């Protein structure tokens, strides 16, 4: 969208891929701030991503999700970490 009003496709979608829907949401001057639990913690201008060493709230990794954490990780007393069948949790 070089001028903000035209959307150009360079090729048609492959057969059987269904339709293309384009929804224009309008221009927004506001910024979106993700919830604190969805923000990464970064250091050295984004080179390093850090995470806490203790899980302090109940968390479920859904069957449709993959997750990773840099360990070691301690699950606090009384807190449950659930990985549903089909979900993946990797500790690096």
N, C-alpha and C. Protein backbone atom coordinates (compact mmCIF):
# COMPACT_ATOMS: atom_id res chain seq x y z
N UNK A 1 0.83 -1.18 0.00
CA UNK A 1 0.00 0.00 0.00
C UNK A 1 0.87 1.24 0.00
N UNK A 2 1.49 1.54 -1.09
CA UNK A 2 2.42 2.67 -1.09
C UNK A 2 1.78 4.01 -0.81
N UNK A 3 0.54 4.23 -1.25
CA UNK A 3 -0.06 5.54 -1.01
C UNK A 3 -1.17 5.49 0.04
N UNK A 4 -1.36 4.34 0.66
CA UNK A 4 -2.35 4.23 1.72
C UNK A 4 -3.77 4.00 1.23
N UNK A 5 -3.97 3.95 -0.09
CA UNK A 5 -5.33 3.74 -0.60
C UNK A 5 -5.43 2.58 -1.57
N UNK A 6 -4.30 2.04 -2.01
CA UNK A 6 -4.32 0.99 -3.01
C UNK A 6 -3.64 -0.26 -2.47
N UNK A 7 -4.31 -1.39 -2.64
CA UNK A 7 -3.75 -2.68 -2.27
C UNK A 7 -3.55 -3.45 -3.56
N UNK A 8 -2.32 -3.82 -3.86
CA UNK A 8 -2.00 -4.48 -5.12
C UNK A 8 -1.47 -5.88 -4.85
N UNK A 9 -2.07 -6.87 -5.51
CA UNK A 9 -1.58 -8.24 -5.44
C UNK A 9 -0.75 -8.50 -6.68
N UNK A 10 0.41 -9.12 -6.52
CA UNK A 10 1.27 -9.38 -7.67
C UNK A 10 0.87 -10.65 -8.41
N UNK A 11 0.07 -11.51 -7.76
CA UNK A 11 -0.39 -12.74 -8.40
C UNK A 11 -1.67 -13.18 -7.71
N UNK A 12 -2.47 -13.94 -8.44
CA UNK A 12 -3.69 -14.49 -7.87
C UNK A 12 -3.34 -15.64 -6.93
N UNK A 13 -4.17 -15.91 -5.93
CA UNK A 13 -3.90 -17.05 -5.05
C UNK A 13 -4.02 -18.36 -5.83
N UNK A 14 -3.32 -19.37 -5.36
CA UNK A 14 -3.41 -20.68 -5.99
C UNK A 14 -4.84 -21.18 -5.94
N UNK A 15 -5.20 -22.04 -6.88
CA UNK A 15 -6.56 -22.57 -6.88
C UNK A 15 -6.79 -23.38 -5.61
N UNK A 16 -8.00 -23.30 -5.10
CA UNK A 16 -8.36 -24.03 -3.90
C UNK A 16 -7.98 -23.35 -2.60
N UNK A 17 -7.41 -22.15 -2.66
CA UNK A 17 -7.01 -21.47 -1.42
C UNK A 17 -8.14 -20.62 -0.84
N UNK A 18 -9.27 -20.55 -1.52
CA UNK A 18 -10.37 -19.76 -1.00
C UNK A 18 -10.26 -18.31 -1.40
N UNK A 19 -10.98 -17.50 -0.73
CA UNK A 19 -11.04 -16.09 -1.06
C UNK A 19 -10.05 -15.28 -0.24
N UNK A 20 -9.77 -14.09 -0.71
CA UNK A 20 -8.95 -13.14 0.03
C UNK A 20 -9.89 -12.06 0.56
N UNK A 21 -9.85 -11.85 1.85
CA UNK A 21 -10.67 -10.81 2.46
C UNK A 21 -9.74 -9.72 2.99
N UNK A 22 -10.04 -8.51 2.66
CA UNK A 22 -9.26 -7.38 3.15
C UNK A 22 -10.19 -6.51 3.96
N UNK A 23 -9.82 -6.28 5.20
CA UNK A 23 -10.62 -5.45 6.08
C UNK A 23 -9.78 -4.24 6.46
N UNK A 24 -10.25 -3.09 6.07
CA UNK A 24 -9.55 -1.85 6.40
C UNK A 24 -10.08 -1.35 7.74
N UNK A 25 -9.21 -1.27 8.71
CA UNK A 25 -9.62 -0.89 10.06
C UNK A 25 -9.50 0.61 10.29
N UNK A 26 -9.02 1.35 9.33
CA UNK A 26 -8.88 2.78 9.50
C UNK A 26 -7.54 3.15 10.10
N UNK A 27 -7.27 4.42 10.09
CA UNK A 27 -6.03 4.94 10.64
C UNK A 27 -6.25 5.24 12.12
N UNK A 28 -5.29 4.89 12.91
CA UNK A 28 -5.39 5.14 14.34
C UNK A 28 -4.16 5.90 14.82
N UNK A 29 -4.39 6.94 15.56
CA UNK A 29 -3.27 7.70 16.12
C UNK A 29 -2.87 7.16 17.48
N UNK A 30 -3.66 6.25 18.02
CA UNK A 30 -3.38 5.70 19.34
C UNK A 30 -2.36 4.57 19.24
N UNK A 31 -1.72 4.28 20.31
CA UNK A 31 -0.80 3.15 20.36
C UNK A 31 -1.44 2.04 21.17
N UNK A 32 -1.01 0.84 20.91
CA UNK A 32 -1.52 -0.32 21.61
C UNK A 32 -0.43 -0.83 22.54
N UNK A 33 -0.77 -0.98 23.79
CA UNK A 33 0.18 -1.49 24.77
C UNK A 33 -0.27 -2.86 25.23
N UNK A 34 0.54 -3.90 24.97
CA UNK A 34 0.14 -5.24 25.40
C UNK A 34 0.12 -5.36 26.92
N UNK A 35 -0.66 -6.30 27.38
CA UNK A 35 -0.71 -6.56 28.82
C UNK A 35 0.68 -6.95 29.31
N UNK A 36 0.98 -6.66 30.57
CA UNK A 36 2.31 -6.90 31.12
C UNK A 36 2.75 -8.35 30.92
N UNK A 37 1.82 -9.30 31.07
CA UNK A 37 2.20 -10.71 30.95
C UNK A 37 2.52 -11.11 29.51
N UNK A 38 2.19 -10.25 28.55
CA UNK A 38 2.47 -10.54 27.14
C UNK A 38 3.68 -9.79 26.61
N UNK A 39 4.33 -9.02 27.46
CA UNK A 39 5.51 -8.27 27.04
C UNK A 39 6.75 -9.11 27.31
N UNK A 40 7.72 -8.99 26.42
CA UNK A 40 9.01 -9.61 26.68
C UNK A 40 9.85 -8.67 27.50
N UNK A 41 10.84 -9.21 28.17
CA UNK A 41 11.79 -8.40 28.90
C UNK A 41 13.11 -8.50 28.17
N UNK A 42 13.61 -7.38 27.70
CA UNK A 42 14.80 -7.39 26.87
C UNK A 42 15.88 -6.51 27.49
N UNK A 43 17.14 -6.88 27.22
CA UNK A 43 18.29 -6.11 27.67
C UNK A 43 19.23 -5.91 26.51
N UNK A 44 20.13 -4.95 26.64
CA UNK A 44 21.16 -4.66 25.64
C UNK A 44 20.54 -4.42 24.27
N UNK A 45 19.57 -3.51 24.24
CA UNK A 45 18.91 -3.12 22.99
C UNK A 45 18.25 -4.29 22.27
N UNK A 46 17.73 -5.24 23.03
CA UNK A 46 16.98 -6.34 22.44
C UNK A 46 17.80 -7.58 22.13
N UNK A 47 19.09 -7.57 22.42
CA UNK A 47 19.91 -8.75 22.14
C UNK A 47 19.51 -9.91 23.05
N UNK A 48 19.22 -9.60 24.31
CA UNK A 48 18.90 -10.65 25.28
C UNK A 48 17.44 -10.54 25.70
N UNK A 49 16.75 -11.67 25.70
CA UNK A 49 15.39 -11.74 26.24
C UNK A 49 15.50 -12.50 27.55
N UNK A 50 14.90 -11.95 28.59
CA UNK A 50 15.00 -12.58 29.90
C UNK A 50 13.62 -13.03 30.37
N UNK A 51 13.61 -13.99 31.28
CA UNK A 51 12.37 -14.41 31.92
C UNK A 51 12.64 -14.69 33.40
N UNK A 52 11.58 -14.64 34.18
CA UNK A 52 11.70 -14.91 35.61
C UNK A 52 12.12 -16.37 35.81
N UNK A 53 12.67 -16.66 36.98
CA UNK A 53 13.09 -18.03 37.29
C UNK A 53 12.03 -18.81 38.05
N UNK A 54 10.97 -18.11 38.50
CA UNK A 54 9.90 -18.77 39.25
C UNK A 54 8.56 -18.46 38.63
N UNK A 55 7.77 -19.50 38.36
CA UNK A 55 6.40 -19.35 37.88
C UNK A 55 5.52 -19.15 39.11
N UNK A 56 4.80 -18.02 39.18
CA UNK A 56 4.04 -17.71 40.38
C UNK A 56 2.54 -17.66 40.15
N UNK A 57 2.08 -18.02 38.96
CA UNK A 57 0.63 -18.08 38.72
C UNK A 57 0.32 -19.30 37.87
N UNK A 58 -0.87 -19.86 38.08
CA UNK A 58 -1.29 -21.04 37.33
C UNK A 58 -1.23 -20.74 35.84
N UNK A 59 -0.67 -21.66 35.07
CA UNK A 59 -0.49 -21.45 33.65
C UNK A 59 -0.79 -22.74 32.90
N UNK A 60 -1.48 -22.61 31.76
CA UNK A 60 -1.77 -23.76 30.91
C UNK A 60 -1.23 -23.50 29.51
N UNK A 61 -0.46 -24.44 28.99
CA UNK A 61 -0.03 -24.43 27.60
C UNK A 61 -1.07 -25.28 26.87
N UNK A 62 -1.82 -24.66 25.98
CA UNK A 62 -2.91 -25.36 25.30
C UNK A 62 -2.39 -26.40 24.31
N UNK A 63 -3.26 -27.31 23.91
CA UNK A 63 -2.90 -28.36 22.96
C UNK A 63 -2.45 -27.78 21.62
N UNK A 64 -2.87 -26.57 21.33
CA UNK A 64 -2.54 -25.92 20.06
C UNK A 64 -1.36 -24.96 20.17
N UNK A 65 -0.64 -24.99 21.30
CA UNK A 65 0.44 -24.03 21.54
C UNK A 65 1.79 -24.71 21.73
N UNK A 66 2.83 -23.98 21.38
CA UNK A 66 4.21 -24.33 21.70
C UNK A 66 4.75 -23.20 22.57
N UNK A 67 5.53 -23.55 23.58
CA UNK A 67 6.08 -22.54 24.47
C UNK A 67 7.52 -22.91 24.81
N UNK A 68 8.30 -21.90 25.21
CA UNK A 68 9.65 -22.18 25.69
C UNK A 68 9.98 -21.23 26.83
N UNK A 69 10.88 -21.69 27.66
CA UNK A 69 11.37 -20.91 28.79
C UNK A 69 12.85 -21.23 28.94
N UNK A 70 13.62 -20.22 29.35
CA UNK A 70 15.02 -20.47 29.63
C UNK A 70 15.15 -20.78 31.10
N UNK A 71 15.66 -21.95 31.42
CA UNK A 71 15.68 -22.43 32.79
C UNK A 71 16.99 -22.12 33.49
N UNK A 72 17.06 -22.53 34.74
CA UNK A 72 16.07 -23.38 35.40
C UNK A 72 14.79 -22.62 35.75
N UNK A 73 13.70 -23.37 35.86
CA UNK A 73 12.41 -22.79 36.20
C UNK A 73 11.87 -23.52 37.43
N UNK A 74 11.45 -22.75 38.41
CA UNK A 74 10.82 -23.30 39.62
C UNK A 74 9.35 -22.97 39.57
N UNK A 75 8.49 -23.96 39.83
CA UNK A 75 7.05 -23.72 39.94
C UNK A 75 6.78 -23.52 41.42
N UNK A 76 6.29 -22.35 41.77
CA UNK A 76 6.07 -21.99 43.18
C UNK A 76 5.06 -22.93 43.83
N UNK A 77 5.15 -23.02 45.13
CA UNK A 77 4.24 -23.85 45.92
C UNK A 77 2.80 -23.43 45.68
N UNK A 78 1.92 -24.40 45.41
CA UNK A 78 0.51 -24.12 45.20
C UNK A 78 0.17 -23.67 43.78
N UNK A 79 1.17 -23.58 42.91
CA UNK A 79 0.97 -23.14 41.53
C UNK A 79 1.01 -24.37 40.62
N UNK A 80 0.14 -24.38 39.60
CA UNK A 80 0.07 -25.50 38.68
C UNK A 80 0.49 -25.06 37.28
N UNK A 81 1.38 -25.82 36.68
CA UNK A 81 1.76 -25.65 35.29
C UNK A 81 1.23 -26.86 34.54
N UNK A 82 0.33 -26.62 33.59
CA UNK A 82 -0.30 -27.70 32.83
C UNK A 82 0.11 -27.57 31.37
N UNK A 83 0.53 -28.68 30.79
CA UNK A 83 0.78 -28.75 29.35
C UNK A 83 -0.20 -29.78 28.81
N UNK A 84 -1.21 -29.28 28.07
CA UNK A 84 -2.22 -30.18 27.53
C UNK A 84 -1.62 -31.13 26.50
N UNK A 85 -2.24 -32.28 26.32
CA UNK A 85 -1.81 -33.24 25.32
C UNK A 85 -1.81 -32.57 23.95
N UNK A 86 -0.68 -32.64 23.26
CA UNK A 86 -0.53 -31.98 21.97
C UNK A 86 0.22 -30.67 22.09
N UNK A 87 0.25 -30.08 23.27
CA UNK A 87 1.01 -28.86 23.51
C UNK A 87 2.46 -29.21 23.76
N UNK A 88 3.34 -28.21 23.63
CA UNK A 88 4.77 -28.44 23.82
C UNK A 88 5.35 -27.34 24.69
N UNK A 89 6.15 -27.74 25.68
CA UNK A 89 6.91 -26.80 26.50
C UNK A 89 8.36 -27.25 26.45
N UNK A 90 9.24 -26.36 26.03
CA UNK A 90 10.66 -26.65 25.95
C UNK A 90 11.38 -25.75 26.95
N UNK A 91 12.24 -26.34 27.76
CA UNK A 91 13.09 -25.58 28.67
C UNK A 91 14.49 -25.58 28.09
N UNK A 92 14.99 -24.39 27.81
CA UNK A 92 16.32 -24.26 27.21
C UNK A 92 17.38 -24.14 28.29
